[in-house]
Amino acid sequence: MTEALSLPTAFLLGLLGGTHCLGMCGGIATTVSLSSPNGMKGFGLLLGYNSGRITSYAIAGALLGSVSWLIENPSIQLALRIFAGLMLVSMGLYIAQWWQGLTKVEHFGSYLWKKISPFARHFLPVKTLRQALMLGVLWGWLPCGLVYSTLIWASAAADWTLSAQLMIAFGLGTLPTMLLTGVLAQQVKTVLQRKLTKHLSGSLIILMGLYTIPWQGILN
């Protein structure tokens, strides 16, 4: 099962999902980076924010993965691998904007976000590294179809430690886009918002999903 849920795959999901991250978190990333007139300090705050965000992903991965470790039946493991592959295909279609069904996944986190979002406002405007870190920790729970879908995919590892590591790798994959968005917002937006970029990213994720599905086990 673990070969279908590798850290490089999780990293690529975050990297290729940058087109979606731009829309969900690009605005707050730019706000954080511009909170300080000092360029290096602004970049440090941006790193702090993203560190907090990735920490939340790891916690969510550990929590959901701690439930699925109970599943040891080989047939269920095969079903989980098929599920993981289908989730990748769905994410590819979502990122390419060919199918937006995964937006329904965001509704599951809406209630939780309503409880968390008021606390996030207390850390704006961001002036210190602690504020940036805490804002990231809270913002990491923002209802996002890509993050939630990756979380469900990672939970198929049936191991809370691996699920957490997969979410960390995913978060690190989003880091280049988020850092560049904070520093070069308009330039990055121009590239990532192009349809060709979205279609190529989505297509690569779909291919990853098709490769993940154990076709031999299904056909036998």
N, C-alpha and C. Protein backbone atom coordinates (compact mmCIF):
# COMPACT_ATOMS: atom_id res chain seq x y z
N MET A 1 0.82 -1.20 0.00
CA MET A 1 0.00 0.00 0.00
C MET A 1 0.87 1.27 0.00
N THR A 2 1.99 1.20 0.73
CA THR A 2 2.80 2.40 0.89
C THR A 2 3.41 2.88 -0.42
N GLU A 3 3.64 1.95 -1.39
CA GLU A 3 4.21 2.40 -2.64
C GLU A 3 3.24 3.30 -3.41
N ALA A 4 1.96 3.17 -3.11
CA ALA A 4 0.95 4.02 -3.76
C ALA A 4 0.82 5.37 -3.06
N LEU A 5 1.39 5.46 -1.87
CA LEU A 5 1.28 6.67 -1.07
C LEU A 5 2.68 7.14 -0.68
N SER A 6 3.44 7.57 -1.66
CA SER A 6 4.82 7.95 -1.41
C SER A 6 4.95 9.44 -1.14
N LEU A 7 6.03 9.81 -0.44
CA LEU A 7 6.29 11.20 -0.13
C LEU A 7 6.53 12.04 -1.39
N PRO A 8 7.26 11.52 -2.40
CA PRO A 8 7.41 12.30 -3.64
C PRO A 8 6.08 12.59 -4.32
N THR A 9 5.16 11.60 -4.28
CA THR A 9 3.84 11.82 -4.87
C THR A 9 3.10 12.93 -4.13
N ALA A 10 3.17 12.90 -2.80
CA ALA A 10 2.51 13.93 -1.99
C ALA A 10 3.10 15.31 -2.28
N PHE A 11 4.43 15.37 -2.41
CA PHE A 11 5.10 16.64 -2.72
C PHE A 11 4.64 17.17 -4.07
N LEU A 12 4.56 16.28 -5.07
CA LEU A 12 4.12 16.69 -6.40
C LEU A 12 2.68 17.18 -6.39
N LEU A 13 1.85 16.56 -5.54
CA LEU A 13 0.47 17.02 -5.43
C LEU A 13 0.42 18.47 -4.97
N GLY A 14 1.25 18.79 -3.98
CA GLY A 14 1.30 20.17 -3.51
C GLY A 14 1.87 21.10 -4.55
N LEU A 15 2.92 20.66 -5.22
CA LEU A 15 3.58 21.49 -6.23
C LEU A 15 2.65 21.76 -7.41
N LEU A 16 2.02 20.71 -7.92
CA LEU A 16 1.13 20.86 -9.07
C LEU A 16 -0.19 21.51 -8.69
N GLY A 17 -0.53 21.43 -7.41
CA GLY A 17 -1.77 22.05 -6.95
C GLY A 17 -1.62 23.53 -6.67
N GLY A 18 -0.46 24.08 -7.02
CA GLY A 18 -0.20 25.50 -6.76
C GLY A 18 -1.21 26.43 -7.40
N THR A 19 -1.77 26.01 -8.53
CA THR A 19 -2.77 26.85 -9.20
C THR A 19 -3.99 27.05 -8.32
N HIS A 20 -4.32 26.02 -7.53
CA HIS A 20 -5.47 26.13 -6.63
C HIS A 20 -5.10 26.87 -5.35
N CYS A 21 -3.88 26.61 -4.84
CA CYS A 21 -3.43 27.28 -3.61
C CYS A 21 -3.41 28.79 -3.79
N LEU A 22 -3.10 29.23 -5.00
CA LEU A 22 -3.05 30.66 -5.27
C LEU A 22 -4.39 31.33 -4.98
N GLY A 23 -5.47 30.64 -5.37
CA GLY A 23 -6.79 31.21 -5.17
C GLY A 23 -7.25 31.15 -3.72
N MET A 24 -6.88 30.07 -3.01
CA MET A 24 -7.35 29.87 -1.65
C MET A 24 -6.54 30.67 -0.62
N CYS A 25 -5.23 30.67 -0.77
CA CYS A 25 -4.36 31.27 0.26
C CYS A 25 -3.45 32.37 -0.27
N GLY A 26 -3.50 32.65 -1.57
CA GLY A 26 -2.61 33.65 -2.14
C GLY A 26 -2.79 35.02 -1.52
N GLY A 27 -4.03 35.40 -1.25
CA GLY A 27 -4.31 36.71 -0.69
C GLY A 27 -3.71 36.90 0.69
N ILE A 28 -3.90 35.90 1.55
CA ILE A 28 -3.38 36.02 2.91
C ILE A 28 -1.86 35.97 2.91
N ALA A 29 -1.28 35.19 1.98
CA ALA A 29 0.19 35.11 1.88
C ALA A 29 0.77 36.46 1.49
N THR A 30 0.12 37.12 0.56
CA THR A 30 0.58 38.45 0.15
C THR A 30 0.45 39.45 1.30
N THR A 31 -0.65 39.36 2.04
CA THR A 31 -0.87 40.25 3.18
C THR A 31 0.23 40.09 4.23
N VAL A 32 0.58 38.82 4.51
CA VAL A 32 1.62 38.55 5.51
C VAL A 32 2.96 39.10 5.06
N SER A 33 3.31 38.87 3.80
CA SER A 33 4.62 39.30 3.30
C SER A 33 4.74 40.82 3.25
N LEU A 34 3.62 41.51 3.10
CA LEU A 34 3.64 42.97 3.02
C LEU A 34 3.42 43.64 4.37
N SER A 35 3.32 42.81 5.42
CA SER A 35 3.05 43.37 6.75
C SER A 35 4.24 44.14 7.30
N SER A 36 5.43 43.87 6.73
CA SER A 36 6.62 44.55 7.21
C SER A 36 7.29 45.28 6.05
N PRO A 37 7.69 46.54 6.24
CA PRO A 37 8.38 47.29 5.19
C PRO A 37 9.75 46.71 4.89
N ASN A 38 10.30 45.94 5.85
CA ASN A 38 11.60 45.29 5.68
C ASN A 38 11.42 44.01 4.89
N GLY A 39 12.02 43.93 3.70
CA GLY A 39 11.82 42.79 2.82
C GLY A 39 12.16 41.46 3.46
N MET A 40 13.31 41.37 4.15
CA MET A 40 13.72 40.11 4.76
C MET A 40 12.80 39.72 5.91
N LYS A 41 12.36 40.71 6.69
CA LYS A 41 11.44 40.40 7.78
C LYS A 41 10.11 39.92 7.23
N GLY A 42 9.66 40.55 6.15
CA GLY A 42 8.41 40.12 5.52
C GLY A 42 8.50 38.69 5.02
N PHE A 43 9.65 38.33 4.47
CA PHE A 43 9.85 36.96 3.99
C PHE A 43 9.88 36.00 5.17
N GLY A 44 10.48 36.42 6.30
CA GLY A 44 10.51 35.60 7.50
C GLY A 44 9.11 35.35 8.05
N LEU A 45 8.28 36.39 8.03
CA LEU A 45 6.89 36.23 8.47
C LEU A 45 6.14 35.27 7.57
N LEU A 46 6.44 35.33 6.27
CA LEU A 46 5.80 34.43 5.31
C LEU A 46 6.20 32.98 5.58
N LEU A 47 7.47 32.77 5.91
CA LEU A 47 7.94 31.43 6.27
C LEU A 47 7.25 30.94 7.54
N GLY A 48 7.07 31.84 8.50
CA GLY A 48 6.40 31.48 9.74
C GLY A 48 4.95 31.08 9.49
N TYR A 49 4.27 31.86 8.67
CA TYR A 49 2.88 31.55 8.33
C TYR A 49 2.76 30.17 7.69
N ASN A 50 3.63 29.90 6.72
CA ASN A 50 3.57 28.62 6.02
C ASN A 50 3.98 27.45 6.90
N SER A 51 4.89 27.69 7.84
CA SER A 51 5.27 26.65 8.80
C SER A 51 4.07 26.26 9.65
N GLY A 52 3.30 27.26 10.07
CA GLY A 52 2.09 26.99 10.84
C GLY A 52 1.06 26.24 10.04
N ARG A 53 0.91 26.63 8.79
CA ARG A 53 -0.06 25.98 7.90
C ARG A 53 0.30 24.50 7.71
N ILE A 54 1.56 24.21 7.46
CA ILE A 54 2.00 22.83 7.25
C ILE A 54 1.86 22.01 8.53
N THR A 55 2.06 22.66 9.68
CA THR A 55 1.88 21.98 10.97
C THR A 55 0.45 21.50 11.12
N SER A 56 -0.50 22.33 10.71
CA SER A 56 -1.92 21.94 10.77
C SER A 56 -2.20 20.75 9.85
N TYR A 57 -1.59 20.76 8.67
CA TYR A 57 -1.77 19.63 7.75
C TYR A 57 -1.28 18.34 8.40
N ALA A 58 -0.12 18.42 9.07
CA ALA A 58 0.46 17.23 9.71
C ALA A 58 -0.46 16.72 10.82
N ILE A 59 -1.00 17.64 11.61
CA ILE A 59 -1.90 17.25 12.70
C ILE A 59 -3.15 16.58 12.13
N ALA A 60 -3.72 17.17 11.09
CA ALA A 60 -4.92 16.59 10.47
C ALA A 60 -4.62 15.21 9.90
N GLY A 61 -3.44 15.06 9.27
CA GLY A 61 -3.06 13.76 8.72
C GLY A 61 -2.91 12.71 9.81
N ALA A 62 -2.30 13.09 10.93
CA ALA A 62 -2.12 12.16 12.05
C ALA A 62 -3.47 11.74 12.64
N LEU A 63 -4.37 12.70 12.78
CA LEU A 63 -5.69 12.41 13.35
C LEU A 63 -6.49 11.44 12.48
N LEU A 64 -6.55 11.74 11.18
CA LEU A 64 -7.34 10.88 10.30
C LEU A 64 -6.63 9.55 10.07
N GLY A 65 -5.31 9.58 9.97
CA GLY A 65 -4.57 8.34 9.77
C GLY A 65 -4.63 7.42 10.97
N SER A 66 -4.82 7.96 12.17
CA SER A 66 -4.88 7.14 13.38
C SER A 66 -6.13 6.28 13.43
N VAL A 67 -7.13 6.63 12.64
CA VAL A 67 -8.36 5.84 12.59
C VAL A 67 -8.21 4.69 11.61
N SER A 68 -7.60 4.95 10.47
CA SER A 68 -7.54 3.94 9.41
C SER A 68 -6.50 2.85 9.65
N TRP A 69 -5.62 3.01 10.67
CA TRP A 69 -4.61 1.98 10.91
C TRP A 69 -5.24 0.67 11.36
N LEU A 70 -6.49 0.72 11.82
CA LEU A 70 -7.18 -0.48 12.28
C LEU A 70 -7.50 -1.44 11.13
N ILE A 71 -7.46 -0.93 9.90
CA ILE A 71 -7.84 -1.74 8.74
C ILE A 71 -6.65 -2.56 8.27
N GLU A 72 -6.73 -3.90 8.43
CA GLU A 72 -5.63 -4.77 8.04
C GLU A 72 -6.04 -5.83 7.04
N ASN A 73 -7.32 -5.95 6.77
CA ASN A 73 -7.79 -6.96 5.82
C ASN A 73 -7.23 -6.68 4.43
N PRO A 74 -6.62 -7.70 3.75
CA PRO A 74 -6.02 -7.49 2.42
C PRO A 74 -7.01 -6.94 1.39
N SER A 75 -8.24 -7.40 1.46
CA SER A 75 -9.25 -6.93 0.50
C SER A 75 -9.54 -5.44 0.72
N ILE A 76 -9.58 -5.05 1.98
CA ILE A 76 -9.83 -3.65 2.30
C ILE A 76 -8.62 -2.82 1.90
N GLN A 77 -7.42 -3.37 2.07
CA GLN A 77 -6.21 -2.67 1.67
C GLN A 77 -6.20 -2.42 0.16
N LEU A 78 -6.66 -3.42 -0.61
CA LEU A 78 -6.76 -3.26 -2.06
C LEU A 78 -7.77 -2.17 -2.39
N ALA A 79 -8.89 -2.18 -1.68
CA ALA A 79 -9.93 -1.17 -1.90
C ALA A 79 -9.39 0.23 -1.58
N LEU A 80 -8.58 0.33 -0.53
CA LEU A 80 -8.00 1.61 -0.15
C LEU A 80 -7.04 2.13 -1.22
N ARG A 81 -6.28 1.21 -1.82
CA ARG A 81 -5.34 1.63 -2.87
C ARG A 81 -6.11 2.11 -4.10
N ILE A 82 -7.19 1.39 -4.44
CA ILE A 82 -8.04 1.84 -5.55
C ILE A 82 -8.61 3.21 -5.24
N PHE A 83 -9.06 3.37 -4.00
CA PHE A 83 -9.63 4.64 -3.56
C PHE A 83 -8.59 5.76 -3.67
N ALA A 84 -7.36 5.47 -3.25
CA ALA A 84 -6.29 6.46 -3.31
C ALA A 84 -6.04 6.91 -4.74
N GLY A 85 -6.04 5.93 -5.68
CA GLY A 85 -5.84 6.27 -7.09
C GLY A 85 -6.98 7.12 -7.64
N LEU A 86 -8.20 6.76 -7.27
CA LEU A 86 -9.36 7.52 -7.74
C LEU A 86 -9.36 8.94 -7.17
N MET A 87 -8.87 9.09 -5.94
CA MET A 87 -8.78 10.42 -5.35
C MET A 87 -7.80 11.28 -6.13
N LEU A 88 -6.68 10.67 -6.56
CA LEU A 88 -5.71 11.41 -7.36
C LEU A 88 -6.32 11.85 -8.69
N VAL A 89 -7.05 10.94 -9.32
CA VAL A 89 -7.71 11.28 -10.58
C VAL A 89 -8.69 12.43 -10.37
N SER A 90 -9.45 12.35 -9.29
CA SER A 90 -10.41 13.40 -8.97
C SER A 90 -9.73 14.75 -8.74
N MET A 91 -8.59 14.70 -8.02
CA MET A 91 -7.85 15.93 -7.76
C MET A 91 -7.30 16.53 -9.05
N GLY A 92 -6.86 15.65 -9.96
CA GLY A 92 -6.36 16.13 -11.26
C GLY A 92 -7.45 16.84 -12.04
N LEU A 93 -8.64 16.25 -12.06
CA LEU A 93 -9.78 16.86 -12.75
C LEU A 93 -10.16 18.19 -12.10
N TYR A 94 -10.02 18.22 -10.78
CA TYR A 94 -10.36 19.41 -9.99
C TYR A 94 -9.39 20.55 -10.30
N ILE A 95 -8.10 20.25 -10.29
CA ILE A 95 -7.08 21.28 -10.53
C ILE A 95 -7.15 21.79 -11.96
N ALA A 96 -7.42 20.87 -12.91
CA ALA A 96 -7.52 21.27 -14.32
C ALA A 96 -8.83 22.01 -14.61
N GLN A 97 -9.72 22.03 -13.62
CA GLN A 97 -11.03 22.67 -13.74
C GLN A 97 -11.91 21.99 -14.77
N TRP A 98 -11.76 20.67 -14.90
CA TRP A 98 -12.61 19.89 -15.78
C TRP A 98 -13.80 19.30 -15.02
N TRP A 99 -13.66 19.23 -13.69
CA TRP A 99 -14.73 18.71 -12.84
C TRP A 99 -14.55 19.28 -11.45
N GLN A 100 -15.58 19.92 -10.91
CA GLN A 100 -15.48 20.61 -9.63
C GLN A 100 -16.24 19.91 -8.52
N GLY A 101 -16.43 18.60 -8.68
CA GLY A 101 -17.17 17.84 -7.68
C GLY A 101 -16.53 17.86 -6.29
N LEU A 102 -15.22 18.03 -6.24
CA LEU A 102 -14.53 18.01 -4.95
C LEU A 102 -14.83 19.25 -4.11
N THR A 103 -15.45 20.25 -4.70
CA THR A 103 -15.81 21.42 -3.89
C THR A 103 -16.82 21.03 -2.79
N LYS A 104 -17.54 19.94 -3.04
CA LYS A 104 -18.50 19.47 -2.03
C LYS A 104 -17.78 19.03 -0.76
N VAL A 105 -16.51 18.58 -0.93
CA VAL A 105 -15.73 18.16 0.23
C VAL A 105 -15.51 19.32 1.18
N GLU A 106 -15.41 20.53 0.62
CA GLU A 106 -15.17 21.72 1.42
C GLU A 106 -16.30 21.99 2.41
N HIS A 107 -17.50 21.56 2.07
CA HIS A 107 -18.64 21.82 2.94
C HIS A 107 -18.48 21.14 4.30
N PHE A 108 -17.74 20.01 4.32
CA PHE A 108 -17.57 19.28 5.58
C PHE A 108 -16.76 20.09 6.59
N GLY A 109 -15.91 20.98 6.10
CA GLY A 109 -15.09 21.78 7.00
C GLY A 109 -15.65 23.16 7.29
N SER A 110 -16.77 23.49 6.68
CA SER A 110 -17.34 24.83 6.86
C SER A 110 -17.71 25.12 8.31
N TYR A 111 -18.29 24.14 8.98
CA TYR A 111 -18.71 24.35 10.37
C TYR A 111 -17.51 24.60 11.26
N LEU A 112 -16.47 23.78 11.09
CA LEU A 112 -15.25 23.95 11.89
C LEU A 112 -14.60 25.30 11.62
N TRP A 113 -14.58 25.72 10.35
CA TRP A 113 -13.94 26.99 9.99
C TRP A 113 -14.69 28.17 10.59
N LYS A 114 -15.99 28.08 10.72
CA LYS A 114 -16.77 29.15 11.33
C LYS A 114 -16.36 29.36 12.79
N LYS A 115 -15.94 28.27 13.43
CA LYS A 115 -15.51 28.36 14.83
C LYS A 115 -14.09 28.90 14.94
N ILE A 116 -13.25 28.59 13.93
CA ILE A 116 -11.83 28.94 13.99
C ILE A 116 -11.55 30.35 13.46
N SER A 117 -12.24 30.74 12.39
CA SER A 117 -11.92 32.00 11.69
C SER A 117 -11.93 33.24 12.59
N PRO A 118 -12.83 33.35 13.58
CA PRO A 118 -12.76 34.55 14.43
C PRO A 118 -11.43 34.68 15.17
N PHE A 119 -10.83 33.56 15.55
CA PHE A 119 -9.54 33.60 16.25
C PHE A 119 -8.43 34.06 15.32
N ALA A 120 -8.55 33.68 14.03
CA ALA A 120 -7.51 34.06 13.06
C ALA A 120 -7.41 35.57 12.91
N ARG A 121 -8.53 36.26 13.06
CA ARG A 121 -8.54 37.72 12.89
C ARG A 121 -7.71 38.43 13.97
N HIS A 122 -7.55 37.77 15.12
CA HIS A 122 -6.80 38.38 16.21
C HIS A 122 -5.31 38.53 15.88
N PHE A 123 -4.84 37.80 14.87
CA PHE A 123 -3.42 37.82 14.53
C PHE A 123 -3.14 38.71 13.31
N LEU A 124 -4.15 39.47 12.90
CA LEU A 124 -3.99 40.41 11.79
C LEU A 124 -4.10 41.84 12.31
N PRO A 125 -3.27 42.77 11.83
CA PRO A 125 -2.17 42.55 10.89
C PRO A 125 -1.00 41.84 11.54
N VAL A 126 -0.27 41.08 10.77
CA VAL A 126 0.86 40.30 11.29
C VAL A 126 2.07 41.20 11.47
N LYS A 127 2.58 41.22 12.70
CA LYS A 127 3.76 42.05 13.01
C LYS A 127 4.93 41.22 13.54
N THR A 128 4.62 40.07 14.13
CA THR A 128 5.67 39.25 14.73
C THR A 128 5.65 37.84 14.15
N LEU A 129 6.75 37.11 14.35
CA LEU A 129 6.84 35.73 13.87
C LEU A 129 5.81 34.85 14.56
N ARG A 130 5.56 35.10 15.83
CA ARG A 130 4.57 34.31 16.56
C ARG A 130 3.18 34.50 15.95
N GLN A 131 2.84 35.74 15.62
CA GLN A 131 1.54 36.00 15.00
C GLN A 131 1.43 35.27 13.66
N ALA A 132 2.51 35.31 12.88
CA ALA A 132 2.50 34.65 11.57
C ALA A 132 2.33 33.15 11.73
N LEU A 133 3.03 32.57 12.70
CA LEU A 133 2.95 31.13 12.94
C LEU A 133 1.55 30.72 13.36
N MET A 134 0.98 31.45 14.30
CA MET A 134 -0.36 31.13 14.80
C MET A 134 -1.42 31.33 13.72
N LEU A 135 -1.26 32.36 12.91
CA LEU A 135 -2.19 32.58 11.80
C LEU A 135 -2.15 31.40 10.84
N GLY A 136 -0.94 30.91 10.56
CA GLY A 136 -0.79 29.75 9.69
C GLY A 136 -1.42 28.50 10.26
N VAL A 137 -1.23 28.29 11.56
CA VAL A 137 -1.82 27.12 12.23
C VAL A 137 -3.33 27.13 12.08
N LEU A 138 -3.94 28.30 12.25
CA LEU A 138 -5.39 28.42 12.14
C LEU A 138 -5.84 28.36 10.68
N TRP A 139 -5.10 29.05 9.80
CA TRP A 139 -5.49 29.11 8.39
C TRP A 139 -5.37 27.74 7.72
N GLY A 140 -4.57 26.86 8.30
CA GLY A 140 -4.42 25.52 7.75
C GLY A 140 -5.69 24.70 7.76
N TRP A 141 -6.68 25.15 8.55
CA TRP A 141 -7.96 24.43 8.63
C TRP A 141 -9.02 25.04 7.71
N LEU A 142 -8.61 25.99 6.89
CA LEU A 142 -9.54 26.59 5.92
C LEU A 142 -10.12 25.51 5.02
N PRO A 143 -11.45 25.47 4.84
CA PRO A 143 -12.04 24.46 3.95
C PRO A 143 -11.48 24.59 2.54
N CYS A 144 -10.78 23.56 2.10
CA CYS A 144 -10.13 23.57 0.79
C CYS A 144 -10.26 22.19 0.17
N GLY A 145 -10.87 22.11 -0.98
CA GLY A 145 -11.08 20.82 -1.63
C GLY A 145 -9.79 20.07 -1.88
N LEU A 146 -8.74 20.79 -2.27
CA LEU A 146 -7.45 20.14 -2.56
C LEU A 146 -6.83 19.56 -1.29
N VAL A 147 -6.80 20.36 -0.22
CA VAL A 147 -6.22 19.89 1.03
C VAL A 147 -7.03 18.74 1.61
N TYR A 148 -8.34 18.87 1.63
CA TYR A 148 -9.17 17.82 2.20
C TYR A 148 -9.08 16.53 1.38
N SER A 149 -9.02 16.66 0.08
CA SER A 149 -8.91 15.47 -0.77
C SER A 149 -7.56 14.78 -0.57
N THR A 150 -6.50 15.59 -0.45
CA THR A 150 -5.18 15.02 -0.18
C THR A 150 -5.17 14.34 1.19
N LEU A 151 -5.87 14.93 2.14
CA LEU A 151 -5.97 14.36 3.48
C LEU A 151 -6.66 12.99 3.44
N ILE A 152 -7.74 12.89 2.68
CA ILE A 152 -8.44 11.61 2.54
C ILE A 152 -7.54 10.60 1.85
N TRP A 153 -6.82 11.06 0.83
CA TRP A 153 -5.87 10.20 0.12
C TRP A 153 -4.78 9.71 1.07
N ALA A 154 -4.23 10.60 1.88
CA ALA A 154 -3.16 10.24 2.81
C ALA A 154 -3.64 9.28 3.88
N SER A 155 -4.91 9.39 4.27
CA SER A 155 -5.44 8.51 5.32
C SER A 155 -5.49 7.06 4.87
N ALA A 156 -5.46 6.84 3.55
CA ALA A 156 -5.47 5.47 3.03
C ALA A 156 -4.19 4.73 3.36
N ALA A 157 -3.18 5.43 3.88
CA ALA A 157 -1.93 4.78 4.28
C ALA A 157 -2.14 3.84 5.46
N ALA A 158 -3.25 4.03 6.18
CA ALA A 158 -3.57 3.19 7.34
C ALA A 158 -2.45 3.22 8.38
N ASP A 159 -1.79 4.36 8.51
CA ASP A 159 -0.68 4.53 9.47
C ASP A 159 -0.61 6.02 9.78
N TRP A 160 -0.84 6.37 11.06
CA TRP A 160 -0.95 7.80 11.39
C TRP A 160 0.36 8.55 11.15
N THR A 161 1.49 7.87 11.36
CA THR A 161 2.77 8.56 11.14
C THR A 161 3.01 8.83 9.66
N LEU A 162 2.69 7.84 8.81
CA LEU A 162 2.87 8.03 7.38
C LEU A 162 1.89 9.07 6.84
N SER A 163 0.65 9.03 7.34
CA SER A 163 -0.34 10.01 6.91
C SER A 163 0.13 11.44 7.24
N ALA A 164 0.70 11.60 8.43
CA ALA A 164 1.22 12.92 8.83
C ALA A 164 2.39 13.33 7.93
N GLN A 165 3.28 12.38 7.63
CA GLN A 165 4.42 12.68 6.77
C GLN A 165 3.98 13.04 5.36
N LEU A 166 2.96 12.36 4.88
CA LEU A 166 2.44 12.65 3.54
C LEU A 166 1.88 14.07 3.48
N MET A 167 1.19 14.48 4.54
CA MET A 167 0.62 15.83 4.56
C MET A 167 1.72 16.88 4.69
N ILE A 168 2.80 16.56 5.41
CA ILE A 168 3.93 17.48 5.49
C ILE A 168 4.57 17.64 4.11
N ALA A 169 4.75 16.50 3.42
CA ALA A 169 5.33 16.54 2.07
C ALA A 169 4.44 17.34 1.13
N PHE A 170 3.14 17.17 1.25
CA PHE A 170 2.19 17.93 0.44
C PHE A 170 2.33 19.42 0.74
N GLY A 171 2.40 19.77 2.02
CA GLY A 171 2.55 21.17 2.41
C GLY A 171 3.84 21.77 1.88
N LEU A 172 4.92 20.99 1.93
CA LEU A 172 6.20 21.48 1.39
C LEU A 172 6.11 21.69 -0.11
N GLY A 173 5.31 20.87 -0.77
CA GLY A 173 5.12 21.03 -2.21
C GLY A 173 4.42 22.33 -2.56
N THR A 174 3.54 22.79 -1.67
CA THR A 174 2.84 24.06 -1.91
C THR A 174 3.71 25.26 -1.58
N LEU A 175 4.81 25.03 -0.86
CA LEU A 175 5.64 26.12 -0.36
C LEU A 175 6.21 27.03 -1.45
N PRO A 176 6.78 26.48 -2.55
CA PRO A 176 7.32 27.37 -3.58
C PRO A 176 6.30 28.38 -4.11
N THR A 177 5.09 27.88 -4.39
CA THR A 177 4.05 28.77 -4.90
C THR A 177 3.68 29.83 -3.87
N MET A 178 3.51 29.41 -2.61
CA MET A 178 3.09 30.34 -1.58
C MET A 178 4.16 31.39 -1.29
N LEU A 179 5.43 30.99 -1.30
CA LEU A 179 6.50 31.95 -1.05
C LEU A 179 6.64 32.93 -2.20
N LEU A 180 6.57 32.40 -3.42
CA LEU A 180 6.68 33.27 -4.59
C LEU A 180 5.47 34.19 -4.71
N THR A 181 4.31 33.67 -4.30
CA THR A 181 3.10 34.49 -4.35
C THR A 181 3.23 35.68 -3.41
N GLY A 182 3.81 35.42 -2.24
CA GLY A 182 3.98 36.51 -1.28
C GLY A 182 4.95 37.56 -1.75
N VAL A 183 5.98 37.15 -2.50
CA VAL A 183 7.02 38.08 -2.93
C VAL A 183 6.75 38.66 -4.32
N LEU A 184 6.28 37.80 -5.21
CA LEU A 184 6.05 38.22 -6.60
C LEU A 184 4.61 37.90 -7.00
N ALA A 185 3.69 38.45 -6.26
CA ALA A 185 2.28 38.07 -6.39
C ALA A 185 1.75 38.14 -7.82
N GLN A 186 1.90 39.26 -8.48
CA GLN A 186 1.30 39.44 -9.80
C GLN A 186 1.94 38.55 -10.84
N GLN A 187 3.29 38.45 -10.79
CA GLN A 187 3.99 37.63 -11.78
C GLN A 187 3.60 36.16 -11.66
N VAL A 188 3.54 35.66 -10.44
CA VAL A 188 3.18 34.26 -10.22
C VAL A 188 1.74 34.01 -10.62
N LYS A 189 0.87 34.94 -10.27
CA LYS A 189 -0.55 34.80 -10.60
C LYS A 189 -0.76 34.70 -12.10
N THR A 190 -0.03 35.48 -12.86
CA THR A 190 -0.16 35.47 -14.32
C THR A 190 0.14 34.09 -14.90
N VAL A 191 1.20 33.46 -14.37
CA VAL A 191 1.60 32.14 -14.88
C VAL A 191 0.65 31.04 -14.42
N LEU A 192 0.35 31.01 -13.11
CA LEU A 192 -0.43 29.91 -12.56
C LEU A 192 -1.90 29.95 -12.94
N GLN A 193 -2.41 31.11 -13.30
CA GLN A 193 -3.81 31.21 -13.64
C GLN A 193 -4.09 30.89 -15.11
N ARG A 194 -3.04 30.61 -15.87
CA ARG A 194 -3.25 30.25 -17.26
C ARG A 194 -3.90 28.88 -17.36
N LYS A 195 -4.79 28.72 -18.31
CA LYS A 195 -5.48 27.45 -18.48
C LYS A 195 -4.51 26.33 -18.81
N LEU A 196 -3.49 26.64 -19.62
CA LEU A 196 -2.52 25.62 -20.00
C LEU A 196 -1.81 25.07 -18.77
N THR A 197 -1.43 25.95 -17.83
CA THR A 197 -0.76 25.51 -16.60
C THR A 197 -1.67 24.60 -15.78
N LYS A 198 -2.91 24.99 -15.64
CA LYS A 198 -3.88 24.19 -14.89
C LYS A 198 -4.11 22.84 -15.55
N HIS A 199 -4.24 22.84 -16.87
CA HIS A 199 -4.51 21.60 -17.60
C HIS A 199 -3.32 20.64 -17.52
N LEU A 200 -2.11 21.17 -17.64
CA LEU A 200 -0.92 20.32 -17.55
C LEU A 200 -0.77 19.74 -16.15
N SER A 201 -0.97 20.58 -15.14
CA SER A 201 -0.86 20.11 -13.76
C SER A 201 -1.90 19.04 -13.46
N GLY A 202 -3.14 19.31 -13.86
CA GLY A 202 -4.21 18.35 -13.64
C GLY A 202 -3.97 17.04 -14.37
N SER A 203 -3.48 17.12 -15.59
CA SER A 203 -3.23 15.91 -16.38
C SER A 203 -2.16 15.04 -15.74
N LEU A 204 -1.10 15.66 -15.22
CA LEU A 204 -0.04 14.90 -14.56
C LEU A 204 -0.56 14.17 -13.32
N ILE A 205 -1.42 14.83 -12.56
CA ILE A 205 -1.98 14.21 -11.36
C ILE A 205 -2.90 13.06 -11.74
N ILE A 206 -3.66 13.23 -12.81
CA ILE A 206 -4.53 12.15 -13.30
C ILE A 206 -3.69 10.93 -13.68
N LEU A 207 -2.58 11.14 -14.37
CA LEU A 207 -1.69 10.03 -14.74
C LEU A 207 -1.12 9.35 -13.50
N MET A 208 -0.79 10.14 -12.48
CA MET A 208 -0.31 9.57 -11.23
C MET A 208 -1.38 8.69 -10.59
N GLY A 209 -2.62 9.14 -10.66
CA GLY A 209 -3.72 8.37 -10.10
C GLY A 209 -3.94 7.07 -10.84
N LEU A 210 -3.90 7.12 -12.16
CA LEU A 210 -4.09 5.91 -12.96
C LEU A 210 -2.97 4.91 -12.71
N TYR A 211 -1.76 5.43 -12.48
CA TYR A 211 -0.62 4.55 -12.19
C TYR A 211 -0.77 3.92 -10.81
N THR A 212 -1.36 4.65 -9.87
CA THR A 212 -1.53 4.17 -8.50
C THR A 212 -2.53 3.03 -8.40
N ILE A 213 -3.57 3.06 -9.22
CA ILE A 213 -4.62 2.04 -9.16
C ILE A 213 -4.04 0.67 -9.52
N PRO A 214 -4.24 -0.35 -8.65
CA PRO A 214 -3.71 -1.69 -8.91
C PRO A 214 -4.57 -2.45 -9.94
N TRP A 215 -4.36 -2.16 -11.19
CA TRP A 215 -5.22 -2.73 -12.24
C TRP A 215 -5.17 -4.26 -12.26
N GLN A 216 -4.00 -4.82 -11.97
CA GLN A 216 -3.87 -6.28 -11.98
C GLN A 216 -4.75 -6.91 -10.92
N GLY A 217 -4.79 -6.28 -9.73
CA GLY A 217 -5.63 -6.81 -8.68
C GLY A 217 -7.11 -6.69 -8.99
N ILE A 218 -7.48 -5.67 -9.76
CA ILE A 218 -8.89 -5.48 -10.12
C ILE A 218 -9.31 -6.49 -11.17
N LEU A 219 -8.43 -6.72 -12.17
CA LEU A 219 -8.77 -7.58 -13.30
C LEU A 219 -8.68 -9.07 -12.96
N ASN A 220 -7.88 -9.42 -11.94
CA ASN A 220 -7.74 -10.84 -11.59
C ASN A 220 -8.94 -11.33 -10.77
